C-alpha atoms as a PDB file:
ATOM      1  CA  MET A   1      56.763  -7.140 -20.085  1.00  0.00           C
ATOM      2  CA  TYR A   2      57.789  -4.738 -17.703  1.00  0.00           C
ATOM      3  CA  GLN A   3      60.877  -5.830 -17.242  1.00  0.00           C
ATOM      4  CA  GLN A   4      61.586  -5.759 -21.152  1.00  0.00           C
ATOM      5  CA  ILE A   5      60.800  -1.912 -20.891  1.00  0.00           C
ATOM      6  CA  ARG A   6      62.952  -1.612 -17.836  1.00  0.00           C
ATOM      7  CA  SER A   7      65.732  -3.268 -18.980  1.00  0.00           C
ATOM      8  CA  SER A   8      65.880  -0.579 -21.973  1.00  0.00           C
ATOM      9  CA  VAL A   9      66.889   2.427 -20.097  1.00  0.00           C
ATOM     10  CA  GLU A  10      67.836   0.536 -16.717  1.00  0.00           C
ATOM     11  CA  ALA A  11      71.129   2.347 -16.037  1.00  0.00           C
ATOM     12  CA  ASP A  12      68.630   5.780 -16.574  1.00  0.00           C
ATOM     13  CA  PHE A  13      65.873   4.165 -14.632  1.00  0.00           C
ATOM     14  CA  GLU A  14      68.460   3.700 -11.477  1.00  0.00           C
ATOM     15  CA  ALA A  15      69.556   7.558 -12.021  1.00  0.00           C
ATOM     16  CA  VAL A  16      66.033   8.760 -12.024  1.00  0.00           C
ATOM     17  CA  ASN A  17      65.608   6.904  -8.589  1.00  0.00           C
ATOM     18  CA  GLN A  18      68.446   8.472  -7.168  1.00  0.00           C
ATOM     19  CA  PHE A  19      67.916  11.955  -7.918  1.00  0.00           C
ATOM     20  CA  VAL A  20      64.862  11.571  -6.513  1.00  0.00           C
ATOM     21  CA  ILE A  21      66.305  10.340  -3.960  1.00  0.00           C
ATOM     22  CA  ASP A  22      68.617  13.090  -3.262  1.00  0.00           C
ATOM     23  CA  ARG A  23      66.060  15.820  -3.785  1.00  0.00           C
ATOM     24  CA  LEU A  24      63.875  14.841  -1.161  1.00  0.00           C
ATOM     25  CA  HIS A  25      66.441  15.875   1.356  1.00  0.00           C
ATOM     26  CA  SER A  26      64.833  17.978   3.514  1.00  0.00           C
ATOM     27  CA  ASP A  27      65.947  19.586   6.937  1.00  0.00           C
ATOM     28  CA  VAL A  28      62.545  18.648   8.837  1.00  0.00           C
ATOM     29  CA  ALA A  29      62.454  15.204   9.557  1.00  0.00           C
ATOM     30  CA  LEU A  30      58.480  14.628   8.937  1.00  0.00           C
ATOM     31  CA  VAL A  31      58.919  15.737   5.138  1.00  0.00           C
ATOM     32  CA  GLU A  32      61.719  13.521   4.288  1.00  0.00           C
ATOM     33  CA  SER A  33      60.512  10.683   6.447  1.00  0.00           C
ATOM     34  CA  ILE A  34      56.871  10.529   4.286  1.00  0.00           C
ATOM     35  CA  GLY A  35      59.024  11.537   1.048  1.00  0.00           C
ATOM     36  CA  HIS A  36      60.643   8.681   0.580  1.00  0.00           C
ATOM     37  CA  TYR A  37      58.036   6.321   2.310  1.00  0.00           C
ATOM     38  CA  ILE A  38      55.833   6.934  -0.752  1.00  0.00           C
ATOM     39  CA  VAL A  39      58.663   7.056  -3.396  1.00  0.00           C
ATOM     40  CA  ASP A  40      59.953   3.283  -1.535  1.00  0.00           C
ATOM     41  CA  ALA A  41      56.444   1.905  -2.011  1.00  0.00           C
ATOM     42  CA  GLY A  42      57.567   1.138  -5.247  1.00  0.00           C
ATOM     43  CA  GLY A  43      55.597   1.036  -8.404  1.00  0.00           C
ATOM     44  CA  LYS A  44      56.740   0.948 -12.018  1.00  0.00           C
ATOM     45  CA  ARG A  45      57.109   4.321 -12.222  1.00  0.00           C
ATOM     46  CA  MET A  46      55.720   4.458 -15.760  1.00  0.00           C
ATOM     47  CA  ARG A  47      55.568   8.167 -16.034  1.00  0.00           C
ATOM     48  CA  PRO A  48      59.661   8.557 -15.728  1.00  0.00           C
ATOM     49  CA  ILE A  49      60.117   5.725 -17.912  1.00  0.00           C
ATOM     50  CA  MET A  50      57.724   7.036 -20.019  1.00  0.00           C
ATOM     51  CA  VAL A  51      60.267  10.592 -20.516  1.00  0.00           C
ATOM     52  CA  LEU A  52      63.086   8.459 -21.242  1.00  0.00           C
ATOM     53  CA  LEU A  53      62.052   6.428 -23.653  1.00  0.00           C
ATOM     54  CA  SER A  54      60.347   9.429 -25.555  1.00  0.00           C
ATOM     55  CA  ALA A  55      64.127  11.068 -25.059  1.00  0.00           C
ATOM     56  CA  HIS A  56      66.331   8.737 -26.374  1.00  0.00           C
ATOM     57  CA  ALA A  57      63.476   7.344 -29.378  1.00  0.00           C
ATOM     58  CA  CYS A  58      63.949  10.907 -30.535  1.00  0.00           C
ATOM     59  CA  GLY A  59      68.065  10.416 -30.380  1.00  0.00           C
ATOM     60  CA  TYR A  60      69.239  12.465 -27.582  1.00  0.00           C
ATOM     61  CA  ASN A  61      72.272  11.448 -25.443  1.00  0.00           C
ATOM     62  CA  ASP A  62      72.233  14.123 -22.736  1.00  0.00           C
ATOM     63  CA  ARG A  63      71.645  14.044 -18.845  1.00  0.00           C
ATOM     64  CA  ASP A  64      68.646  16.145 -18.663  1.00  0.00           C
ATOM     65  CA  HIS A  65      65.940  12.914 -19.503  1.00  0.00           C
ATOM     66  CA  ILE A  66      66.732  12.172 -15.778  1.00  0.00           C
ATOM     67  CA  LYS A  67      65.604  15.817 -14.102  1.00  0.00           C
ATOM     68  CA  LEU A  68      62.825  15.486 -16.512  1.00  0.00           C
ATOM     69  CA  ALA A  69      61.572  11.795 -15.437  1.00  0.00           C
ATOM     70  CA  ALA A  70      62.141  12.673 -11.679  1.00  0.00           C
ATOM     71  CA  VAL A  71      59.788  15.821 -12.418  1.00  0.00           C
ATOM     72  CA  ILE A  72      56.899  13.594 -13.626  1.00  0.00           C
ATOM     73  CA  GLU A  73      58.006  11.175 -10.597  1.00  0.00           C
ATOM     74  CA  PHE A  74      57.832  14.204  -8.426  1.00  0.00           C
ATOM     75  CA  ILE A  75      54.164  15.572  -9.144  1.00  0.00           C
ATOM     76  CA  HIS A  76      52.925  12.103  -9.814  1.00  0.00           C
ATOM     77  CA  THR A  77      53.997  11.321  -5.936  1.00  0.00           C
ATOM     78  CA  ALA A  78      52.495  14.588  -4.500  1.00  0.00           C
ATOM     79  CA  THR A  79      49.551  13.586  -6.340  1.00  0.00           C
ATOM     80  CA  LEU A  80      49.013  10.259  -4.613  1.00  0.00           C
ATOM     81  CA  LEU A  81      49.500  11.972  -1.431  1.00  0.00           C
ATOM     82  CA  HIS A  82      46.820  14.310  -2.008  1.00  0.00           C
ATOM     83  CA  ASP A  83      44.201  12.000  -3.690  1.00  0.00           C
ATOM     84  CA  ASP A  84      44.597   9.679  -0.364  1.00  0.00           C
ATOM     85  CA  VAL A  85      43.748  12.640   1.676  1.00  0.00           C
ATOM     86  CA  VAL A  86      40.939  13.000  -0.519  1.00  0.00           C
ATOM     87  CA  ASP A  87      39.754   9.409  -1.278  1.00  0.00           C
ATOM     88  CA  MET A  88      40.230   8.704   2.608  1.00  0.00           C
ATOM     89  CA  SER A  89      42.487   5.038   0.866  1.00  0.00           C
ATOM     90  CA  THR A  90      44.114   3.461   4.340  1.00  0.00           C
ATOM     91  CA  MET A  91      46.369   1.371   1.863  1.00  0.00           C
ATOM     92  CA  ARG A  92      48.113   1.503  -1.642  1.00  0.00           C
ATOM     93  CA  ARG A  93      50.159  -0.339  -3.022  1.00  0.00           C
ATOM     94  CA  GLY A  94      49.616  -2.728  -0.221  1.00  0.00           C
ATOM     95  CA  ARG A  95      50.834  -1.012   2.835  1.00  0.00           C
ATOM     96  CA  PRO A  96      48.971   1.729   4.459  1.00  0.00           C
ATOM     97  CA  THR A  97      48.946   5.096   2.896  1.00  0.00           C
ATOM     98  CA  ALA A  98      50.952   7.865   4.249  1.00  0.00           C
ATOM     99  CA  ASN A  99      47.832   9.892   5.725  1.00  0.00           C
ATOM    100  CA  ASN A 100      46.750   6.733   7.331  1.00  0.00           C
ATOM    101  CA  GLN A 101      50.399   6.300   8.864  1.00  0.00           C
ATOM    102  CA  TRP A 102      51.408   9.544   9.833  1.00  0.00           C
ATOM    103  CA  SER A 103      47.728  12.200   9.803  1.00  0.00           C
ATOM    104  CA  ASN A 104      45.667  13.871   6.586  1.00  0.00           C
ATOM    105  CA  PRO A 105      47.685  17.367   7.643  1.00  0.00           C
ATOM    106  CA  SER A 106      50.977  15.786   7.187  1.00  0.00           C
ATOM    107  CA  SER A 107      50.042  14.037   3.561  1.00  0.00           C
ATOM    108  CA  VAL A 108      49.126  17.569   2.171  1.00  0.00           C
ATOM    109  CA  LEU A 109      51.575  19.211   3.148  1.00  0.00           C
ATOM    110  CA  VAL A 110      54.746  17.233   2.234  1.00  0.00           C
ATOM    111  CA  GLY A 111      52.628  16.484  -1.037  1.00  0.00           C
ATOM    112  CA  ASP A 112      52.755  20.246  -1.565  1.00  0.00           C
ATOM    113  CA  PHE A 113      56.262  20.532  -0.704  1.00  0.00           C
ATOM    114  CA  ILE A 114      56.877  17.540  -3.385  1.00  0.00           C
ATOM    115  CA  TYR A 115      55.040  19.786  -6.087  1.00  0.00           C
ATOM    116  CA  SER A 116      57.202  22.655  -5.201  1.00  0.00           C
ATOM    117  CA  ARG A 117      60.224  20.471  -5.105  1.00  0.00           C
ATOM    118  CA  ALA A 118      59.024  19.442  -8.650  1.00  0.00           C
ATOM    119  CA  PHE A 119      59.135  22.867 -10.125  1.00  0.00           C
ATOM    120  CA  GLN A 120      62.790  23.592  -8.032  1.00  0.00           C
ATOM    121  CA  VAL A 121      63.972  21.105 -10.434  1.00  0.00           C
ATOM    122  CA  LEU A 122      62.362  22.174 -13.487  1.00  0.00           C
ATOM    123  CA  VAL A 123      63.774  25.455 -13.478  1.00  0.00           C
ATOM    124  CA  SER A 124      67.166  23.944 -13.951  1.00  0.00           C
ATOM    125  CA  LEU A 125      66.230  22.650 -17.366  1.00  0.00           C
ATOM    126  CA  GLY A 126      65.859  26.711 -18.425  1.00  0.00           C
ATOM    127  CA  SER A 127      63.465  25.017 -21.051  1.00  0.00           C
ATOM    128  CA  LEU A 128      60.276  27.482 -20.280  1.00  0.00           C
ATOM    129  CA  ARG A 129      58.365  25.623 -22.527  1.00  0.00           C
ATOM    130  CA  ILE A 130      58.918  22.187 -21.154  1.00  0.00           C
ATOM    131  CA  MET A 131      57.926  24.872 -18.111  1.00  0.00           C
ATOM    132  CA  GLU A 132      54.529  25.852 -19.601  1.00  0.00           C
ATOM    133  CA  ILE A 133      53.673  22.159 -20.353  1.00  0.00           C
ATOM    134  CA  ILE A 134      54.125  20.977 -16.910  1.00  0.00           C
ATOM    135  CA  ALA A 135      52.379  24.060 -15.334  1.00  0.00           C
ATOM    136  CA  ASP A 136      49.734  23.679 -17.366  1.00  0.00           C
ATOM    137  CA  THR A 137      49.427  19.714 -16.575  1.00  0.00           C
ATOM    138  CA  THR A 138      49.390  20.384 -13.009  1.00  0.00           C
ATOM    139  CA  ASN A 139      46.660  22.403 -13.185  1.00  0.00           C
ATOM    140  CA  LYS A 140      44.907  20.076 -15.334  1.00  0.00           C
ATOM    141  CA  ILE A 141      45.699  17.748 -13.018  1.00  0.00           C
ATOM    142  CA  ALA A 142      43.742  19.656 -10.416  1.00  0.00           C
ATOM    143  CA  GLU A 143      40.785  20.140 -12.465  1.00  0.00           C
ATOM    144  CA  GLY A 144      40.124  16.967 -12.740  1.00  0.00           C
ATOM    145  CA  GLU A 145      40.474  15.494  -9.398  1.00  0.00           C
ATOM    146  CA  VAL A 146      37.880  18.237  -8.427  1.00  0.00           C
ATOM    147  CA  LEU A 147      35.863  16.833 -11.663  1.00  0.00           C
ATOM    148  CA  GLN A 148      36.357  13.808  -9.835  1.00  0.00           C
ATOM    149  CA  LEU A 149      35.018  15.203  -6.040  1.00  0.00           C
ATOM    150  CA  ILE A 150      32.316  16.359  -8.009  1.00  0.00           C
ATOM    151  CA  ASN A 151      31.186  13.198  -9.512  1.00  0.00           C
ATOM    152  CA  LYS A 152      31.213  11.206  -6.157  1.00  0.00           C
ATOM    153  CA  HIS A 153      27.962   9.187  -5.655  1.00  0.00           C
ATOM    154  CA  ASN A 154      26.748  11.031  -8.834  1.00  0.00           C
ATOM    155  CA  VAL A 155      24.507   8.656 -10.641  1.00  0.00           C
ATOM    156  CA  ASP A 156      23.802  10.418 -13.792  1.00  0.00           C
ATOM    157  CA  ILE A 157      27.026  10.643 -14.701  1.00  0.00           C
ATOM    158  CA  THR A 158      27.376   9.917 -18.359  1.00  0.00           C
ATOM    159  CA  GLU A 159      30.071   8.697 -20.571  1.00  0.00           C
ATOM    160  CA  ALA A 160      31.578  11.702 -21.609  1.00  0.00           C
ATOM    161  CA  ASP A 161      31.985  13.409 -17.834  1.00  0.00           C
ATOM    162  CA  TYR A 162      33.469  10.435 -16.752  1.00  0.00           C
ATOM    163  CA  LEU A 163      36.296  10.482 -20.205  1.00  0.00           C
ATOM    164  CA  LYS A 164      36.533  14.288 -18.786  1.00  0.00           C
ATOM    165  CA  VAL A 165      37.665  13.268 -15.754  1.00  0.00           C
ATOM    166  CA  ILE A 166      40.293  10.183 -16.723  1.00  0.00           C
ATOM    167  CA  HIS A 167      41.471  12.715 -19.868  1.00  0.00           C
ATOM    168  CA  ASN A 168      42.297  15.446 -16.979  1.00  0.00           C
ATOM    169  CA  LYS A 169      43.305  13.097 -14.147  1.00  0.00           C
ATOM    170  CA  THR A 170      45.755  10.592 -15.224  1.00  0.00           C
ATOM    171  CA  ALA A 171      46.511  10.902 -19.060  1.00  0.00           C
ATOM    172  CA  ILE A 172      48.005  14.298 -19.427  1.00  0.00           C
ATOM    173  CA  LEU A 173      50.580  13.741 -16.855  1.00  0.00           C
ATOM    174  CA  PHE A 174      51.829  10.618 -19.593  1.00  0.00           C
ATOM    175  CA  GLN A 175      50.891  12.939 -22.649  1.00  0.00           C
ATOM    176  CA  ALA A 176      52.732  15.499 -21.051  1.00  0.00           C
ATOM    177  CA  ALA A 177      55.727  12.887 -19.932  1.00  0.00           C
ATOM    178  CA  ALA A 178      56.381  11.575 -23.431  1.00  0.00           C
ATOM    179  CA  GLN A 179      56.116  15.523 -24.994  1.00  0.00           C
ATOM    180  CA  CYS A 180      58.236  16.734 -23.047  1.00  0.00           C
ATOM    181  CA  GLY A 181      61.628  14.145 -23.503  1.00  0.00           C
ATOM    182  CA  ALA A 182      60.734  14.587 -27.085  1.00  0.00           C
ATOM    183  CA  ILE A 183      61.248  18.210 -26.646  1.00  0.00           C
ATOM    184  CA  LEU A 184      64.057  17.746 -24.560  1.00  0.00           C
ATOM    185  CA  ALA A 185      65.881  15.949 -27.817  1.00  0.00           C
ATOM    186  CA  ASN A 186      64.530  18.742 -30.051  1.00  0.00           C
ATOM    187  CA  ALA A 187      62.669  16.693 -32.175  1.00  0.00           C
ATOM    188  CA  PRO A 188      60.941  17.594 -35.283  1.00  0.00           C
ATOM    189  CA  ALA A 189      57.260  19.304 -34.238  1.00  0.00           C
ATOM    190  CA  LYS A 190      55.468  15.866 -36.507  1.00  0.00           C
ATOM    191  CA  ILE A 191      57.264  13.459 -34.275  1.00  0.00           C
ATOM    192  CA  GLU A 192      57.000  15.532 -31.259  1.00  0.00           C
ATOM    193  CA  GLN A 193      53.229  15.838 -31.809  1.00  0.00           C
ATOM    194  CA  GLY A 194      53.317  12.023 -32.134  1.00  0.00           C
ATOM    195  CA  LEU A 195      54.565  11.158 -28.775  1.00  0.00           C
ATOM    196  CA  ARG A 196      52.405  13.846 -27.123  1.00  0.00           C
ATOM    197  CA  ASP A 197      49.445  11.971 -28.760  1.00  0.00           C
ATOM    198  CA  PHE A 198      50.958   8.337 -28.110  1.00  0.00           C
ATOM    199  CA  GLY A 199      50.984   9.281 -24.626  1.00  0.00           C
ATOM    200  CA  LEU A 200      47.524  10.060 -24.076  1.00  0.00           C
ATOM    201  CA  HIS A 201      45.906   7.509 -25.754  1.00  0.00           C
ATOM    202  CA  VAL A 202      48.685   5.560 -23.491  1.00  0.00           C
ATOM    203  CA  GLY A 203      46.807   7.350 -20.193  1.00  0.00           C
ATOM    204  CA  LYS A 204      43.756   7.127 -21.399  1.00  0.00           C
ATOM    205  CA  ALA A 205      44.068   3.126 -21.728  1.00  0.00           C
ATOM    206  CA  PHE A 206      46.223   3.238 -18.490  1.00  0.00           C
ATOM    207  CA  GLN A 207      43.031   4.402 -16.276  1.00  0.00           C
ATOM    208  CA  LEU A 208      40.178   2.466 -17.998  1.00  0.00           C
ATOM    209  CA  ILE A 209      42.110  -0.770 -17.004  1.00  0.00           C
ATOM    210  CA  ASP A 210      43.022   0.634 -14.062  1.00  0.00           C
ATOM    211  CA  ASP A 211      39.035   0.830 -13.386  1.00  0.00           C
ATOM    212  CA  VAL A 212      38.312  -2.539 -14.416  1.00  0.00           C
ATOM    213  CA  LEU A 213      40.788  -4.104 -12.030  1.00  0.00           C
ATOM    214  CA  ASP A 214      38.892  -2.670  -9.108  1.00  0.00           C
ATOM    215  CA  TYR A 215      36.063  -5.144 -10.343  1.00  0.00           C
ATOM    216  CA  ALA A 216      37.635  -7.860 -12.300  1.00  0.00           C
ATOM    217  CA  GLY A 217      41.212  -7.848 -10.472  1.00  0.00           C
ATOM    218  CA  ASP A 218      43.096  -9.716  -7.398  1.00  0.00           C
ATOM    219  CA  SER A 219      43.482  -7.798  -4.746  1.00  0.00           C
ATOM    220  CA  ALA A 220      46.856  -9.331  -3.877  1.00  0.00           C
ATOM    221  CA  ALA A 221      48.452  -8.425  -7.008  1.00  0.00           C
ATOM    222  CA  MET A 222      47.149  -4.899  -6.904  1.00  0.00           C
ATOM    223  CA  GLY A 223      47.965  -4.075  -3.234  1.00  0.00           C
ATOM    224  CA  LYS A 224      44.616  -2.381  -2.658  1.00  0.00           C
ATOM    225  CA  ASN A 225      41.083  -3.784  -2.248  1.00  0.00           C
ATOM    226  CA  ILE A 226      38.166  -4.918  -4.562  1.00  0.00           C
ATOM    227  CA  GLY A 227      35.890  -2.120  -4.213  1.00  0.00           C
ATOM    228  CA  ASP A 228      37.539   0.778  -3.599  1.00  0.00           C
ATOM    229  CA  ASP A 229      36.126   2.767  -6.346  1.00  0.00           C
ATOM    230  CA  LEU A 230      32.570   1.731  -5.145  1.00  0.00           C
ATOM    231  CA  ALA A 231      33.673   2.090  -1.186  1.00  0.00           C
ATOM    232  CA  GLU A 232      34.371   5.770  -2.228  1.00  0.00           C
ATOM    233  CA  GLY A 233      31.642   6.264  -4.319  1.00  0.00           C
ATOM    234  CA  LYS A 234      33.501   7.104  -7.863  1.00  0.00           C
ATOM    235  CA  PRO A 235      31.207   6.040 -10.624  1.00  0.00           C
ATOM    236  CA  THR A 236      34.310   4.732 -13.042  1.00  0.00           C
ATOM    237  CA  LEU A 237      33.127   3.486 -16.809  1.00  0.00           C
ATOM    238  CA  PRO A 238      32.114  -0.144 -15.771  1.00  0.00           C
ATOM    239  CA  LEU A 239      29.823   0.971 -13.269  1.00  0.00           C
ATOM    240  CA  ILE A 240      27.808   3.555 -15.337  1.00  0.00           C
ATOM    241  CA  PHE A 241      27.776   1.419 -18.424  1.00  0.00           C
ATOM    242  CA  ALA A 242      25.929  -1.383 -15.663  1.00  0.00           C
ATOM    243  CA  MET A 243      23.900   0.981 -14.830  1.00  0.00           C
ATOM    244  CA  LYS A 244      22.754   1.494 -18.422  1.00  0.00           C
ATOM    245  CA  HIS A 245      22.549  -1.750 -19.624  1.00  0.00           C
ATOM    246  CA  SER A 246      21.260  -3.844 -16.588  1.00  0.00           C
ATOM    247  CA  SER A 247      17.488  -4.446 -15.322  1.00  0.00           C
ATOM    248  CA  ASP A 248      16.285  -1.550 -13.479  1.00  0.00           C
ATOM    249  CA  ALA A 249      16.341  -3.796  -9.925  1.00  0.00           C
ATOM    250  CA  ASP A 250      19.791  -4.374 -10.763  1.00  0.00           C
ATOM    251  CA  SER A 251      20.635  -0.903 -11.479  1.00  0.00           C
ATOM    252  CA  ARG A 252      19.167   0.847  -8.960  1.00  0.00           C
ATOM    253  CA  LEU A 253      21.276  -1.339  -6.391  1.00  0.00           C
ATOM    254  CA  ILE A 254      24.362  -0.279  -7.734  1.00  0.00           C
ATOM    255  CA  LYS A 255      22.910   3.575  -7.655  1.00  0.00           C
ATOM    256  CA  ASP A 256      22.253   2.974  -3.999  1.00  0.00           C
ATOM    257  CA  ALA A 257      25.309   1.798  -2.841  1.00  0.00           C
ATOM    258  CA  LEU A 258      26.718   4.667  -5.118  1.00  0.00           C
ATOM    259  CA  LYS A 259      25.164   7.428  -3.038  1.00  0.00           C
ATOM    260  CA  ILE A 260      26.045   5.466   0.470  1.00  0.00           C
ATOM    261  CA  SER A 261      29.393   4.258  -0.617  1.00  0.00           C
ATOM    262  CA  GLY A 262      28.357   0.919   0.576  1.00  0.00           C
ATOM    263  CA  LEU A 263      29.785  -2.207   0.319  1.00  0.00           C
ATOM    264  CA  ASP A 264      27.523  -5.051   1.289  1.00  0.00           C
ATOM    265  CA  SER A 265      26.602  -5.281  -2.011  1.00  0.00           C
ATOM    266  CA  LEU A 266      29.855  -5.664  -3.659  1.00  0.00           C
ATOM    267  CA  GLU A 267      29.528  -9.089  -4.865  1.00  0.00           C
ATOM    268  CA  LYS A 268      26.300  -8.748  -6.413  1.00  0.00           C
ATOM    269  CA  ILE A 269      27.557  -5.514  -8.046  1.00  0.00           C
ATOM    270  CA  ILE A 270      30.464  -7.097  -9.467  1.00  0.00           C
ATOM    271  CA  SER A 271      28.384  -9.570 -11.129  1.00  0.00           C
ATOM    272  CA  ILE A 272      26.141  -7.315 -12.502  1.00  0.00           C
ATOM    273  CA  VAL A 273      29.483  -5.459 -13.933  1.00  0.00           C
ATOM    274  CA  ASN A 274      30.136  -8.603 -15.834  1.00  0.00           C
ATOM    275  CA  THR A 275      27.181 -10.037 -16.998  1.00  0.00           C
ATOM    276  CA  SER A 276      26.052  -6.404 -18.209  1.00  0.00           C
ATOM    277  CA  GLY A 277      29.171  -6.549 -20.576  1.00  0.00           C
ATOM    278  CA  GLY A 278      30.553  -3.590 -18.104  1.00  0.00           C
ATOM    279  CA  ILE A 279      34.282  -4.946 -18.146  1.00  0.00           C
ATOM    280  CA  GLU A 280      34.296  -5.870 -21.435  1.00  0.00           C
ATOM    281  CA  TYR A 281      32.885  -2.154 -22.618  1.00  0.00           C
ATOM    282  CA  THR A 282      35.881  -0.502 -20.598  1.00  0.00           C
ATOM    283  CA  ARG A 283      38.764  -2.949 -22.508  1.00  0.00           C
ATOM    284  CA  GLN A 284      37.136  -2.896 -25.673  1.00  0.00           C
ATOM    285  CA  LEU A 285      37.700   1.196 -24.781  1.00  0.00           C
ATOM    286  CA  ALA A 286      41.109   0.663 -23.547  1.00  0.00           C
ATOM    287  CA  GLU A 287      42.360  -1.233 -26.565  1.00  0.00           C
ATOM    288  CA  ALA A 288      41.042   1.362 -29.026  1.00  0.00           C
ATOM    289  CA  GLU A 289      43.508   3.755 -27.207  1.00  0.00           C
ATOM    290  CA  VAL A 290      45.964   1.226 -27.740  1.00  0.00           C
ATOM    291  CA  GLY A 291      45.274   1.061 -31.267  1.00  0.00           C
ATOM    292  CA  LYS A 292      45.453   4.813 -31.953  1.00  0.00           C
ATOM    293  CA  ALA A 293      48.373   5.073 -29.691  1.00  0.00           C
ATOM    294  CA  ARG A 294      50.797   2.630 -31.931  1.00  0.00           C
ATOM    295  CA  ALA A 295      49.735   4.941 -35.031  1.00  0.00           C
ATOM    296  CA  CYS A 296      51.528   7.572 -32.989  1.00  0.00           C
ATOM    297  CA  LEU A 297      54.483   6.125 -33.400  1.00  0.00           C
ATOM    298  CA  THR A 298      54.549   5.489 -37.185  1.00  0.00           C
ATOM    299  CA  ASP A 299      56.832   8.556 -38.160  1.00  0.00           C
ATOM    300  CA  LEU A 300      59.561   7.490 -35.132  1.00  0.00           C
ATOM    301  CA  PRO A 301      62.583   5.903 -36.873  1.00  0.00           C
ATOM    302  CA  PRO A 302      62.674   2.154 -35.940  1.00  0.00           C
ATOM    303  CA  SER A 303      65.169   1.496 -32.101  1.00  0.00           C
ATOM    304  CA  GLN A 304      64.524  -0.237 -29.137  1.00  0.00           C
ATOM    305  CA  TYR A 305      63.233   2.439 -27.741  1.00  0.00           C
ATOM    306  CA  ARG A 306      60.007   3.120 -30.155  1.00  0.00           C
ATOM    307  CA  ASP A 307      59.738  -1.008 -29.429  1.00  0.00           C
ATOM    308  CA  ALA A 308      59.568  -0.735 -25.592  1.00  0.00           C
ATOM    309  CA  LEU A 309      57.663   2.278 -26.047  1.00  0.00           C
ATOM    310  CA  GLU A 310      54.958  -0.289 -28.294  1.00  0.00           C
ATOM    311  CA  ALA A 311      55.866  -2.936 -25.488  1.00  0.00           C
ATOM    312  CA  MET A 312      54.346   0.052 -23.007  1.00  0.00           C
ATOM    313  CA  ALA A 313      51.358   0.560 -24.763  1.00  0.00           C
ATOM    314  CA  GLU A 314      50.774  -3.189 -24.665  1.00  0.00           C
ATOM    315  CA  LEU A 315      51.406  -3.561 -20.950  1.00  0.00           C
ATOM    316  CA  ALA A 316      48.614  -0.636 -20.228  1.00  0.00           C
ATOM    317  CA  ILE A 317      46.229  -3.306 -21.054  1.00  0.00           C
ATOM    318  CA  ASN A 318      47.275  -6.223 -20.046  1.00  0.00           C
ATOM    319  CA  ARG A 319      48.558  -5.229 -16.623  1.00  0.00           C
ATOM    320  CA  THR A 320      47.194  -7.194 -13.511  1.00  0.00           C
ATOM    321  CA  SER A 321      48.168  -4.606 -11.211  1.00  0.00           C
END
């Protein structure tokens, strides 16, 4: 399914990759080394692809969508560098994180460089409205990361608290990608709003499934270890649900593990999360978000790009990595 989505914008996709590589250039060797290291690690580039599809679905046929897609990728890349430092992660996409390969200070500072490079490119687009949306989005992403940090080891977190975190931390960048693609194409307000909401719902579904895979995925496919969220003390929805719908003893086991970021009982906790219905419940919420996303495309004219957007929504809940 991913190859089908990507093939609809293959030439643009390659152009975005080349643009990203070109704009990572720096006279400071360490900046360029770390920048290329994380970009070359791969990833599906879902967010920049959403920019390309959104713009084309609205009839755009110029070249600034390449720059805009690169801006979104730069912002995402910078957040990954910062996240891995905050989470003290050692693996991402099947290889050592940049902070593990170099150092925490290096990763933070190169993340800052990539953020600033994103805004340099953004200025060249000449759209104050797009700049305002991207600026607000990066601000909200930062708030989401702080909220997640505050909620580490918090065994009393509510589902509403969790949903607020994923809205800011993940979904809002998908939202900006889809909306700004529409703005670039001068789409009517109704279609722009529909794509904005589409991106938001897909982003939520994407993160919900990401949190499912931490307890029900395959470490080789994901390129990271099962149970990483627990190891980092993150109370994601599968755990939140399990704590509420398990026996007192099982709930206490999860809470104790969250408080100390302990993996000694990981196998037992995975079993509890499954038997409590935590995995199924989280998947159901993701499927509901995808249903909402599909409905947001109603006013969009039929095209291969609209079909690819619909496929992207499906991929959000059917992915394994």
